[in-house]
Every structure is written in C-alpha cells, then in structure tokens.
Amino acid sequence: MNFENLNIWCWIIPALVGIISGVLGYLIGKSKDVSVIDASTDTKTLEAENTKLKADLAVCNKKLAATDAPEKPASPAADLTASAPSTATFDIAAAKAAMGKRIKQDDLKIVEGIGPKIEGLFHNFGIKTWKALSEASTIKCQEVLDSGGSRYRIHDPASWPMQAKMAYEGQWKDLSKWQIKHKAGKF
C-alpha cells in the first residue's frame, strides 16, 4: 500500500465534495424565485394598516361602551321597580344546592375565571360585590386585568358581568348550567 498517495486523496475528496455542494446549492438557490422585500415600502404599508386597525378598534370600543352603559330610569320610582332582586335576600341554601359548594355573599370567585388574585385586582378598583361586577363593562374588566400585568392577558372577561348578574339575582341553577356548558367562562 502506498501511503503517500493516500494522504493526497484525504484532501482532494473533501475539496471536490465541497465544490460540488457549493455549485449545486448555488443552482438550487438561483432557480427559486426569491423576492427581496423593500423595507421602507413594507414599513409604510404596515403603519397605514396599523392606523386603520386602531381606528376600527376605537369605533368598536365606542359601540361596545354604548351597549354596556346602563340605561337611566325616567324617575327614581321606576328605578325601584326595574331593579333586580336585592342581595339582602341571598339564599345560602339555594346557592349551595345549585353550585354544589358553600357560597359566600359577594364572593367574586364564584364567577368562572376569577380566582383570588383577580378578585384582589377587582377589589383594588372598588368592585367588591356581584352587583358592582354585573354593572361593570367588559372594557372595565379588561382594564382591571391589564393592571395586574401580562400574566393576566390569557383571561377573557367577556362573560364575567353576566355571571355576576346571575349570582346577584340569585339565578344559581342557571349560573351552574352556564358554567358547566362553558368551560373556562368562554362563550
């Protein structure tokens, strides 16, 4: 065996493989249609789209705030007749029977999706009762969540005022059915 010739082939074979791979890579890359994005044009397009989306969001928020705003009664007497049942008639036995656990009056944690920490955030905003939560808009609920930081972004407060209203009005069977049907409090 001639070891002098073997040593040269240890250099030639990898060099040839590299050259062939380079040529093939160049040809394959050249054959694909790769478009170069103009960054300045793309940025302007994205900024225009972002501005349009922000305007659309503002319009939607105004519509939502208009639908979430409670209507003012014509007179104080009309307010008394139109109001929901008072929480003073809170029936612990009915709540326990429907929900399967003991319920404390105005415990916000009964609402699917609200735990002790989120309840604390609502208390910081002065929302401490089912009635107050039922009258809060979804935007206000999202503002409360945003005050807690990014870890609360996964929560969806859209159904929380409705659930709180059912609890406030003593509709325990309806609330229980709704929570079973809508896992994690989502519509």
N, C-alpha and C. Protein backbone atom coordinates (compact mmCIF):
# COMPACT_ATOMS: atom_id res chain seq x y z
N MET A 1 0.82 -1.17 0.00
CA MET A 1 0.00 0.00 0.00
C MET A 1 0.88 1.25 0.00
N ASN A 2 0.52 2.21 -0.78
CA ASN A 2 1.30 3.42 -0.91
C ASN A 2 0.62 4.53 -0.10
N PHE A 3 1.21 4.86 1.05
CA PHE A 3 0.61 5.83 1.95
C PHE A 3 0.79 7.27 1.48
N GLU A 4 1.74 7.52 0.61
CA GLU A 4 1.95 8.87 0.11
C GLU A 4 0.78 9.31 -0.76
N ASN A 5 0.26 8.43 -1.58
CA ASN A 5 -0.87 8.76 -2.43
C ASN A 5 -2.18 8.83 -1.62
N LEU A 6 -2.28 8.04 -0.58
CA LEU A 6 -3.48 8.04 0.27
C LEU A 6 -3.66 9.38 0.97
N ASN A 7 -2.60 9.99 1.39
CA ASN A 7 -2.65 11.26 2.08
C ASN A 7 -3.21 12.37 1.18
N ILE A 8 -2.88 12.37 -0.08
CA ILE A 8 -3.36 13.39 -1.00
C ILE A 8 -4.86 13.23 -1.25
N TRP A 9 -5.35 11.99 -1.29
CA TRP A 9 -6.77 11.75 -1.52
C TRP A 9 -7.61 12.21 -0.32
N CYS A 10 -7.04 12.22 0.86
CA CYS A 10 -7.75 12.72 2.05
C CYS A 10 -8.05 14.22 1.93
N TRP A 11 -7.32 14.90 1.09
CA TRP A 11 -7.55 16.32 0.86
C TRP A 11 -8.40 16.58 -0.39
N ILE A 12 -8.20 15.79 -1.39
CA ILE A 12 -8.89 16.03 -2.67
C ILE A 12 -10.38 15.68 -2.58
N ILE A 13 -10.72 14.54 -1.97
CA ILE A 13 -12.12 14.11 -1.91
C ILE A 13 -12.99 15.13 -1.16
N PRO A 14 -12.63 15.59 0.05
CA PRO A 14 -13.48 16.60 0.70
C PRO A 14 -13.56 17.91 -0.09
N ALA A 15 -12.47 18.29 -0.76
CA ALA A 15 -12.49 19.51 -1.56
C ALA A 15 -13.46 19.38 -2.72
N LEU A 16 -13.45 18.23 -3.41
CA LEU A 16 -14.37 18.01 -4.53
C LEU A 16 -15.83 17.99 -4.04
N VAL A 17 -16.09 17.33 -2.92
CA VAL A 17 -17.45 17.29 -2.37
C VAL A 17 -17.91 18.70 -2.03
N GLY A 18 -17.05 19.50 -1.47
CA GLY A 18 -17.40 20.88 -1.12
C GLY A 18 -17.70 21.71 -2.34
N ILE A 19 -16.87 21.57 -3.39
CA ILE A 19 -17.09 22.35 -4.62
C ILE A 19 -18.40 21.94 -5.28
N ILE A 20 -18.64 20.64 -5.36
CA ILE A 20 -19.88 20.15 -5.98
C ILE A 20 -21.09 20.62 -5.17
N SER A 21 -21.02 20.55 -3.84
CA SER A 21 -22.12 21.01 -2.99
C SER A 21 -22.36 22.50 -3.17
N GLY A 22 -21.30 23.27 -3.27
CA GLY A 22 -21.43 24.71 -3.47
C GLY A 22 -22.11 25.04 -4.78
N VAL A 23 -21.70 24.36 -5.86
CA VAL A 23 -22.30 24.60 -7.18
C VAL A 23 -23.77 24.21 -7.16
N LEU A 24 -24.10 23.05 -6.59
CA LEU A 24 -25.50 22.62 -6.53
C LEU A 24 -26.33 23.58 -5.67
N GLY A 25 -25.79 24.00 -4.56
CA GLY A 25 -26.50 24.95 -3.71
C GLY A 25 -26.77 26.26 -4.43
N TYR A 26 -25.79 26.74 -5.18
CA TYR A 26 -25.96 27.96 -5.95
C TYR A 26 -27.05 27.81 -7.00
N LEU A 27 -27.03 26.68 -7.73
CA LEU A 27 -28.01 26.45 -8.78
C LEU A 27 -29.42 26.31 -8.21
N ILE A 28 -29.55 25.60 -7.10
CA ILE A 28 -30.87 25.44 -6.48
C ILE A 28 -31.38 26.79 -5.96
N GLY A 29 -30.51 27.55 -5.33
CA GLY A 29 -30.91 28.87 -4.83
C GLY A 29 -31.27 29.83 -5.95
N LYS A 30 -30.57 29.75 -7.04
CA LYS A 30 -30.82 30.63 -8.18
C LYS A 30 -32.14 30.27 -8.86
N SER A 31 -32.50 28.98 -8.85
CA SER A 31 -33.71 28.55 -9.54
C SER A 31 -34.98 28.97 -8.80
N LYS A 32 -34.91 29.17 -7.48
CA LYS A 32 -36.10 29.58 -6.73
C LYS A 32 -36.31 31.07 -6.89
N ASP A 33 -37.57 31.48 -6.96
CA ASP A 33 -37.90 32.89 -7.10
C ASP A 33 -37.94 33.52 -5.71
N VAL A 34 -36.89 34.19 -5.34
CA VAL A 34 -36.81 34.83 -4.04
C VAL A 34 -36.98 36.33 -4.27
N SER A 35 -38.06 36.90 -3.70
CA SER A 35 -38.28 38.32 -3.88
C SER A 35 -37.70 39.06 -2.68
N VAL A 36 -37.04 40.14 -2.96
CA VAL A 36 -36.45 40.97 -1.93
C VAL A 36 -37.50 41.99 -1.50
N ILE A 37 -37.72 42.08 -0.19
CA ILE A 37 -38.73 43.00 0.33
C ILE A 37 -38.11 44.37 0.53
N ASP A 38 -38.77 45.38 0.00
CA ASP A 38 -38.32 46.74 0.20
C ASP A 38 -38.80 47.17 1.59
N ALA A 39 -37.88 47.35 2.51
CA ALA A 39 -38.21 47.61 3.91
C ALA A 39 -38.97 48.91 4.10
N SER A 40 -38.63 49.94 3.37
CA SER A 40 -39.29 51.23 3.57
C SER A 40 -40.74 51.18 3.09
N THR A 41 -40.99 50.54 1.96
CA THR A 41 -42.35 50.41 1.44
C THR A 41 -43.18 49.51 2.36
N ASP A 42 -42.58 48.42 2.78
CA ASP A 42 -43.28 47.48 3.66
C ASP A 42 -43.63 48.14 4.99
N THR A 43 -42.73 48.93 5.54
CA THR A 43 -42.98 49.62 6.80
C THR A 43 -44.12 50.61 6.67
N LYS A 44 -44.14 51.35 5.57
CA LYS A 44 -45.20 52.32 5.35
C LYS A 44 -46.56 51.62 5.21
N THR A 45 -46.58 50.51 4.51
CA THR A 45 -47.82 49.75 4.34
C THR A 45 -48.33 49.25 5.68
N LEU A 46 -47.42 48.70 6.49
CA LEU A 46 -47.81 48.18 7.80
C LEU A 46 -48.28 49.29 8.73
N GLU A 47 -47.64 50.45 8.69
CA GLU A 47 -48.06 51.57 9.52
C GLU A 47 -49.46 52.06 9.12
N ALA A 48 -49.73 52.10 7.82
CA ALA A 48 -51.06 52.52 7.35
C ALA A 48 -52.12 51.51 7.80
N GLU A 49 -51.80 50.23 7.68
CA GLU A 49 -52.74 49.19 8.12
C GLU A 49 -52.96 49.26 9.63
N ASN A 50 -51.89 49.51 10.39
CA ASN A 50 -51.99 49.62 11.84
C ASN A 50 -52.89 50.80 12.23
N THR A 51 -52.73 51.93 11.56
CA THR A 51 -53.56 53.11 11.83
C THR A 51 -55.03 52.81 11.55
N LYS A 52 -55.30 52.11 10.44
CA LYS A 52 -56.68 51.76 10.10
C LYS A 52 -57.25 50.81 11.16
N LEU A 53 -56.49 49.84 11.60
CA LEU A 53 -56.97 48.90 12.62
C LEU A 53 -57.24 49.60 13.95
N LYS A 54 -56.39 50.56 14.31
CA LYS A 54 -56.62 51.32 15.55
C LYS A 54 -57.91 52.13 15.46
N ALA A 55 -58.17 52.70 14.30
CA ALA A 55 -59.41 53.46 14.12
C ALA A 55 -60.63 52.52 14.22
N ASP A 56 -60.53 51.35 13.59
CA ASP A 56 -61.61 50.37 13.68
C ASP A 56 -61.83 49.93 15.13
N LEU A 57 -60.75 49.73 15.87
CA LEU A 57 -60.85 49.34 17.27
C LEU A 57 -61.54 50.42 18.10
N ALA A 58 -61.20 51.66 17.84
CA ALA A 58 -61.82 52.77 18.58
C ALA A 58 -63.32 52.81 18.31
N VAL A 59 -63.74 52.60 17.06
CA VAL A 59 -65.16 52.59 16.72
C VAL A 59 -65.86 51.43 17.44
N CYS A 60 -65.24 50.26 17.43
CA CYS A 60 -65.83 49.09 18.11
C CYS A 60 -65.94 49.33 19.62
N ASN A 61 -64.91 49.92 20.21
CA ASN A 61 -64.96 50.19 21.65
C ASN A 61 -66.07 51.18 21.99
N LYS A 62 -66.29 52.18 21.12
CA LYS A 62 -67.38 53.13 21.36
C LYS A 62 -68.73 52.44 21.28
N LYS A 63 -68.89 51.54 20.31
CA LYS A 63 -70.15 50.80 20.19
C LYS A 63 -70.35 49.90 21.40
N LEU A 64 -69.30 49.25 21.84
CA LEU A 64 -69.39 48.36 22.99
C LEU A 64 -69.70 49.14 24.26
N ALA A 65 -69.07 50.30 24.42
CA ALA A 65 -69.34 51.12 25.60
C ALA A 65 -70.79 51.61 25.59
N ALA A 66 -71.31 51.89 24.42
CA ALA A 66 -72.70 52.34 24.32
C ALA A 66 -73.67 51.22 24.68
N THR A 67 -73.35 49.98 24.30
CA THR A 67 -74.24 48.86 24.63
C THR A 67 -74.08 48.41 26.07
N ASP A 68 -72.89 48.59 26.66
CA ASP A 68 -72.64 48.19 28.05
C ASP A 68 -73.14 49.22 29.06
N ALA A 69 -73.37 50.46 28.61
CA ALA A 69 -73.80 51.51 29.55
C ALA A 69 -75.21 51.22 30.04
N PRO A 70 -75.43 51.25 31.37
CA PRO A 70 -76.78 51.01 31.87
C PRO A 70 -77.69 52.18 31.53
N GLU A 71 -78.94 51.85 31.21
CA GLU A 71 -79.90 52.89 30.87
C GLU A 71 -80.37 53.59 32.13
N LYS A 72 -80.55 54.90 32.05
CA LYS A 72 -81.04 55.69 33.18
C LYS A 72 -82.56 55.59 33.24
N PRO A 73 -83.13 55.28 34.40
CA PRO A 73 -84.59 55.24 34.50
C PRO A 73 -85.17 56.65 34.44
N ALA A 74 -86.45 56.72 34.08
CA ALA A 74 -87.10 58.02 33.95
C ALA A 74 -87.26 58.71 35.30
N SER A 75 -87.49 57.93 36.35
CA SER A 75 -87.68 58.52 37.68
C SER A 75 -87.12 57.57 38.72
N PRO A 76 -86.89 58.06 39.96
CA PRO A 76 -86.41 57.16 41.00
C PRO A 76 -87.37 56.01 41.29
N ALA A 77 -88.67 56.24 41.13
CA ALA A 77 -89.65 55.16 41.36
C ALA A 77 -89.49 54.07 40.32
N ALA A 78 -89.22 54.48 39.07
CA ALA A 78 -89.02 53.49 38.01
C ALA A 78 -87.77 52.68 38.29
N ASP A 79 -86.77 53.30 38.92
CA ASP A 79 -85.54 52.60 39.26
C ASP A 79 -85.82 51.48 40.27
N LEU A 80 -86.71 51.72 41.22
CA LEU A 80 -87.02 50.71 42.23
C LEU A 80 -87.79 49.55 41.64
N THR A 81 -88.67 49.81 40.69
CA THR A 81 -89.46 48.73 40.11
C THR A 81 -88.66 47.94 39.10
N ALA A 82 -87.70 48.57 38.43
CA ALA A 82 -86.95 47.88 37.40
C ALA A 82 -85.72 47.17 37.94
N SER A 83 -85.36 47.40 39.18
CA SER A 83 -84.11 46.83 39.68
C SER A 83 -84.26 45.33 39.93
N ALA A 84 -83.14 44.64 39.92
CA ALA A 84 -83.11 43.21 40.16
C ALA A 84 -83.29 42.95 41.65
N PRO A 85 -83.56 41.72 42.04
CA PRO A 85 -83.72 41.41 43.45
C PRO A 85 -82.48 41.80 44.24
N SER A 86 -82.68 42.21 45.45
CA SER A 86 -81.60 42.67 46.30
C SER A 86 -80.78 41.49 46.80
N THR A 87 -79.48 41.73 47.05
CA THR A 87 -78.65 40.66 47.59
C THR A 87 -78.96 40.42 49.05
N ALA A 88 -79.80 41.26 49.64
CA ALA A 88 -80.20 41.06 51.03
C ALA A 88 -81.00 39.76 51.15
N THR A 89 -81.58 39.30 50.03
CA THR A 89 -82.33 38.05 50.03
C THR A 89 -81.45 36.90 49.56
N PHE A 90 -80.18 37.00 49.80
CA PHE A 90 -79.24 35.96 49.40
C PHE A 90 -79.58 34.66 50.12
N ASP A 91 -79.84 33.62 49.33
CA ASP A 91 -80.25 32.33 49.86
C ASP A 91 -79.06 31.37 49.81
N ILE A 92 -78.43 31.18 50.96
CA ILE A 92 -77.23 30.33 51.03
C ILE A 92 -77.57 28.90 50.65
N ALA A 93 -78.71 28.41 51.11
CA ALA A 93 -79.10 27.02 50.84
C ALA A 93 -79.32 26.78 49.35
N ALA A 94 -79.99 27.70 48.67
CA ALA A 94 -80.23 27.55 47.23
C ALA A 94 -78.91 27.61 46.45
N ALA A 95 -78.03 28.49 46.89
CA ALA A 95 -76.74 28.61 46.21
C ALA A 95 -75.93 27.33 46.39
N LYS A 96 -75.92 26.80 47.60
CA LYS A 96 -75.16 25.56 47.86
C LYS A 96 -75.75 24.39 47.09
N ALA A 97 -77.07 24.31 47.03
CA ALA A 97 -77.72 23.22 46.32
C ALA A 97 -77.41 23.26 44.83
N ALA A 98 -77.44 24.44 44.24
CA ALA A 98 -77.21 24.55 42.80
C ALA A 98 -75.74 24.44 42.43
N MET A 99 -74.88 25.05 43.22
CA MET A 99 -73.45 25.09 42.87
C MET A 99 -72.67 23.91 43.43
N GLY A 100 -73.22 23.23 44.43
CA GLY A 100 -72.53 22.07 45.00
C GLY A 100 -71.46 22.42 46.01
N LYS A 101 -71.41 23.65 46.43
CA LYS A 101 -70.44 24.08 47.44
C LYS A 101 -71.00 25.29 48.16
N ARG A 102 -70.44 25.57 49.31
CA ARG A 102 -70.90 26.71 50.10
C ARG A 102 -70.45 28.00 49.43
N ILE A 103 -71.36 28.93 49.31
CA ILE A 103 -71.10 30.20 48.64
C ILE A 103 -71.23 31.32 49.66
N LYS A 104 -70.23 32.21 49.66
CA LYS A 104 -70.31 33.41 50.49
C LYS A 104 -70.90 34.54 49.65
N GLN A 105 -71.67 35.39 50.30
CA GLN A 105 -72.28 36.51 49.60
C GLN A 105 -71.20 37.43 49.03
N ASP A 106 -71.39 37.85 47.78
CA ASP A 106 -70.49 38.76 47.07
C ASP A 106 -69.08 38.21 46.91
N ASP A 107 -68.94 36.90 46.84
CA ASP A 107 -67.65 36.27 46.58
C ASP A 107 -67.44 36.25 45.07
N LEU A 108 -66.55 37.09 44.58
CA LEU A 108 -66.34 37.19 43.13
C LEU A 108 -65.74 35.93 42.53
N LYS A 109 -65.14 35.10 43.38
CA LYS A 109 -64.52 33.88 42.88
C LYS A 109 -65.54 32.85 42.38
N ILE A 110 -66.81 33.08 42.64
CA ILE A 110 -67.85 32.18 42.13
C ILE A 110 -67.97 32.32 40.61
N VAL A 111 -67.53 33.45 40.08
CA VAL A 111 -67.55 33.68 38.64
C VAL A 111 -66.43 32.85 38.01
N GLU A 112 -66.79 32.06 37.01
CA GLU A 112 -65.82 31.21 36.32
C GLU A 112 -64.74 32.08 35.68
N GLY A 113 -63.49 31.82 36.05
CA GLY A 113 -62.37 32.58 35.51
C GLY A 113 -61.77 33.56 36.50
N ILE A 114 -62.43 33.81 37.61
CA ILE A 114 -61.91 34.73 38.62
C ILE A 114 -61.42 33.91 39.80
N GLY A 115 -60.16 34.11 40.13
CA GLY A 115 -59.55 33.47 41.29
C GLY A 115 -59.22 34.49 42.35
N PRO A 116 -58.51 34.09 43.39
CA PRO A 116 -58.21 35.01 44.49
C PRO A 116 -57.41 36.25 44.05
N LYS A 117 -56.46 36.08 43.16
CA LYS A 117 -55.63 37.23 42.75
C LYS A 117 -56.42 38.21 41.89
N ILE A 118 -57.23 37.67 40.99
CA ILE A 118 -58.05 38.56 40.14
C ILE A 118 -59.11 39.23 41.00
N GLU A 119 -59.65 38.52 41.98
CA GLU A 119 -60.61 39.13 42.89
C GLU A 119 -59.95 40.31 43.61
N GLY A 120 -58.70 40.15 44.01
CA GLY A 120 -57.97 41.25 44.65
C GLY A 120 -57.81 42.44 43.73
N LEU A 121 -57.57 42.18 42.44
CA LEU A 121 -57.46 43.29 41.48
C LEU A 121 -58.79 44.04 41.39
N PHE A 122 -59.90 43.31 41.36
CA PHE A 122 -61.21 43.96 41.30
C PHE A 122 -61.47 44.77 42.57
N HIS A 123 -61.07 44.23 43.71
CA HIS A 123 -61.25 44.97 44.97
C HIS A 123 -60.45 46.27 44.95
N ASN A 124 -59.25 46.24 44.33
CA ASN A 124 -58.44 47.45 44.22
C ASN A 124 -59.14 48.53 43.39
N PHE A 125 -60.00 48.11 42.46
CA PHE A 125 -60.75 49.05 41.62
C PHE A 125 -62.12 49.37 42.21
N GLY A 126 -62.37 48.91 43.43
CA GLY A 126 -63.64 49.23 44.10
C GLY A 126 -64.80 48.33 43.70
N ILE A 127 -64.53 47.26 42.97
CA ILE A 127 -65.57 46.32 42.56
C ILE A 127 -65.51 45.16 43.54
N LYS A 128 -66.40 45.18 44.53
CA LYS A 128 -66.34 44.20 45.62
C LYS A 128 -67.59 43.34 45.74
N THR A 129 -68.60 43.65 44.93
CA THR A 129 -69.86 42.90 45.03
C THR A 129 -70.25 42.35 43.67
N TRP A 130 -71.18 41.38 43.69
CA TRP A 130 -71.69 40.84 42.43
C TRP A 130 -72.40 41.94 41.65
N LYS A 131 -73.11 42.80 42.34
CA LYS A 131 -73.84 43.87 41.67
C LYS A 131 -72.86 44.81 40.95
N ALA A 132 -71.80 45.19 41.65
CA ALA A 132 -70.82 46.10 41.04
C ALA A 132 -70.16 45.44 39.83
N LEU A 133 -69.86 44.15 39.92
CA LEU A 133 -69.25 43.46 38.78
C LEU A 133 -70.25 43.32 37.64
N SER A 134 -71.51 43.08 37.96
CA SER A 134 -72.52 42.93 36.90
C SER A 134 -72.74 44.24 36.15
N GLU A 135 -72.49 45.37 36.80
CA GLU A 135 -72.65 46.67 36.16
C GLU A 135 -71.39 47.16 35.47
N ALA A 136 -70.29 46.45 35.65
CA ALA A 136 -69.03 46.84 35.02
C ALA A 136 -69.04 46.40 33.56
N SER A 137 -68.46 47.22 32.70
CA SER A 137 -68.37 46.87 31.28
C SER A 137 -67.22 45.89 31.08
N THR A 138 -67.25 45.23 29.95
CA THR A 138 -66.16 44.32 29.60
C THR A 138 -64.85 45.08 29.49
N ILE A 139 -64.93 46.31 29.00
CA ILE A 139 -63.73 47.14 28.87
C ILE A 139 -63.14 47.43 30.25
N LYS A 140 -64.00 47.72 31.23
CA LYS A 140 -63.54 47.97 32.60
C LYS A 140 -62.90 46.71 33.18
N CYS A 141 -63.51 45.55 32.93
CA CYS A 141 -62.95 44.29 33.42
C CYS A 141 -61.57 44.05 32.80
N GLN A 142 -61.44 44.35 31.51
CA GLN A 142 -60.14 44.18 30.85
C GLN A 142 -59.12 45.17 31.43
N GLU A 143 -59.56 46.37 31.77
CA GLU A 143 -58.67 47.37 32.39
C GLU A 143 -58.16 46.86 33.74
N VAL A 144 -59.05 46.22 34.50
CA VAL A 144 -58.66 45.65 35.79
C VAL A 144 -57.61 44.56 35.57
N LEU A 145 -57.84 43.69 34.58
CA LEU A 145 -56.87 42.63 34.29
C LEU A 145 -55.53 43.21 33.84
N ASP A 146 -55.58 44.23 32.99
CA ASP A 146 -54.35 44.84 32.49
C ASP A 146 -53.53 45.45 33.62
N SER A 147 -54.20 45.89 34.68
CA SER A 147 -53.47 46.49 35.81
C SER A 147 -52.63 45.44 36.54
N GLY A 148 -52.96 44.18 36.36
CA GLY A 148 -52.21 43.11 37.02
C GLY A 148 -50.96 42.70 36.27
N GLY A 149 -50.80 43.14 35.04
CA GLY A 149 -49.62 42.81 34.26
C GLY A 149 -49.92 41.78 33.18
N SER A 150 -48.87 41.35 32.51
CA SER A 150 -49.01 40.49 31.35
C SER A 150 -49.48 39.08 31.69
N ARG A 151 -49.32 38.66 32.92
CA ARG A 151 -49.71 37.28 33.27
C ARG A 151 -51.23 37.10 33.27
N TYR A 152 -51.99 38.18 33.24
CA TYR A 152 -53.44 38.08 33.25
C TYR A 152 -54.05 38.27 31.86
N ARG A 153 -53.23 38.34 30.82
CA ARG A 153 -53.73 38.56 29.47
C ARG A 153 -54.49 37.36 28.92
N ILE A 154 -54.25 36.19 29.43
CA ILE A 154 -54.92 35.00 28.90
C ILE A 154 -56.38 34.92 29.30
N HIS A 155 -56.80 35.71 30.27
CA HIS A 155 -58.16 35.66 30.75
C HIS A 155 -59.10 36.44 29.84
N ASP A 156 -60.30 35.93 29.69
CA ASP A 156 -61.32 36.59 28.86
C ASP A 156 -62.48 37.00 29.75
N PRO A 157 -62.61 38.30 30.06
CA PRO A 157 -63.64 38.75 30.99
C PRO A 157 -65.00 39.03 30.36
N ALA A 158 -65.22 38.60 29.14
CA ALA A 158 -66.46 38.94 28.44
C ALA A 158 -67.71 38.44 29.16
N SER A 159 -67.63 37.29 29.81
CA SER A 159 -68.83 36.72 30.45
C SER A 159 -68.93 37.06 31.93
N TRP A 160 -67.94 37.69 32.51
CA TRP A 160 -67.93 37.92 33.95
C TRP A 160 -69.09 38.79 34.44
N PRO A 161 -69.42 39.91 33.77
CA PRO A 161 -70.56 40.69 34.25
C PRO A 161 -71.88 39.90 34.20
N MET A 162 -72.05 39.08 33.16
CA MET A 162 -73.27 38.29 33.05
C MET A 162 -73.35 37.25 34.17
N GLN A 163 -72.23 36.58 34.46
CA GLN A 163 -72.22 35.60 35.54
C GLN A 163 -72.48 36.28 36.89
N ALA A 164 -71.89 37.43 37.10
CA ALA A 164 -72.10 38.16 38.35
C ALA A 164 -73.56 38.60 38.49
N LYS A 165 -74.18 38.95 37.36
CA LYS A 165 -75.59 39.34 37.41
C LYS A 165 -76.46 38.15 37.82
N MET A 166 -76.15 36.96 37.27
CA MET A 166 -76.91 35.77 37.66
C MET A 166 -76.74 35.49 39.16
N ALA A 167 -75.52 35.65 39.67
CA ALA A 167 -75.29 35.43 41.10
C ALA A 167 -76.02 36.49 41.92
N TYR A 168 -75.97 37.73 41.48
CA TYR A 168 -76.62 38.83 42.19
C TYR A 168 -78.13 38.62 42.26
N GLU A 169 -78.70 38.14 41.15
CA GLU A 169 -80.14 37.94 41.08
C GLU A 169 -80.58 36.60 41.67
N GLY A 170 -79.64 35.78 42.12
CA GLY A 170 -79.98 34.51 42.74
C GLY A 170 -80.36 33.42 41.75
N GLN A 171 -79.92 33.55 40.52
CA GLN A 171 -80.22 32.55 39.49
C GLN A 171 -79.14 31.46 39.52
N TRP A 172 -79.08 30.72 40.62
CA TRP A 172 -77.99 29.77 40.85
C TRP A 172 -78.03 28.58 39.90
N LYS A 173 -79.21 28.07 39.60
CA LYS A 173 -79.30 26.93 38.68
C LYS A 173 -78.84 27.33 37.29
N ASP A 174 -79.27 28.51 36.85
CA ASP A 174 -78.85 28.99 35.53
C ASP A 174 -77.34 29.22 35.48
N LEU A 175 -76.80 29.79 36.55
CA LEU A 175 -75.36 30.03 36.60
C LEU A 175 -74.59 28.72 36.57
N SER A 176 -75.04 27.75 37.33
CA SER A 176 -74.38 26.45 37.36
C SER A 176 -74.41 25.77 36.00
N LYS A 177 -75.57 25.79 35.34
CA LYS A 177 -75.69 25.20 34.00
C LYS A 177 -74.78 25.90 33.01
N TRP A 178 -74.76 27.24 33.10
CA TRP A 178 -73.92 28.01 32.17
C TRP A 178 -72.45 27.67 32.37
N GLN A 179 -72.00 27.59 33.62
CA GLN A 179 -70.59 27.31 33.89
C GLN A 179 -70.20 25.90 33.46
N ILE A 180 -71.11 24.96 33.59
CA ILE A 180 -70.81 23.60 33.14
C ILE A 180 -70.71 23.56 31.62
N LYS A 181 -71.63 24.28 30.95
CA LYS A 181 -71.65 24.28 29.49
C LYS A 181 -70.47 25.04 28.89
N HIS A 182 -70.04 26.12 29.54
CA HIS A 182 -68.96 26.97 29.01
C HIS A 182 -67.73 26.82 29.86
N LYS A 183 -66.93 25.86 29.56
CA LYS A 183 -65.71 25.62 30.32
C LYS A 183 -64.80 26.83 30.23
N ALA A 184 -64.21 27.22 31.35
CA ALA A 184 -63.28 28.35 31.47
C ALA A 184 -63.97 29.69 31.24
N GLY A 185 -65.29 29.74 31.32
CA GLY A 185 -66.01 31.01 31.25
C GLY A 185 -66.03 31.65 29.90
N LYS A 186 -65.79 30.90 28.81
CA LYS A 186 -65.78 31.49 27.48
C LYS A 186 -67.08 31.17 26.76
N PHE A 187 -67.52 32.09 25.92
CA PHE A 187 -68.76 31.90 25.17
C PHE A 187 -68.54 30.86 24.11
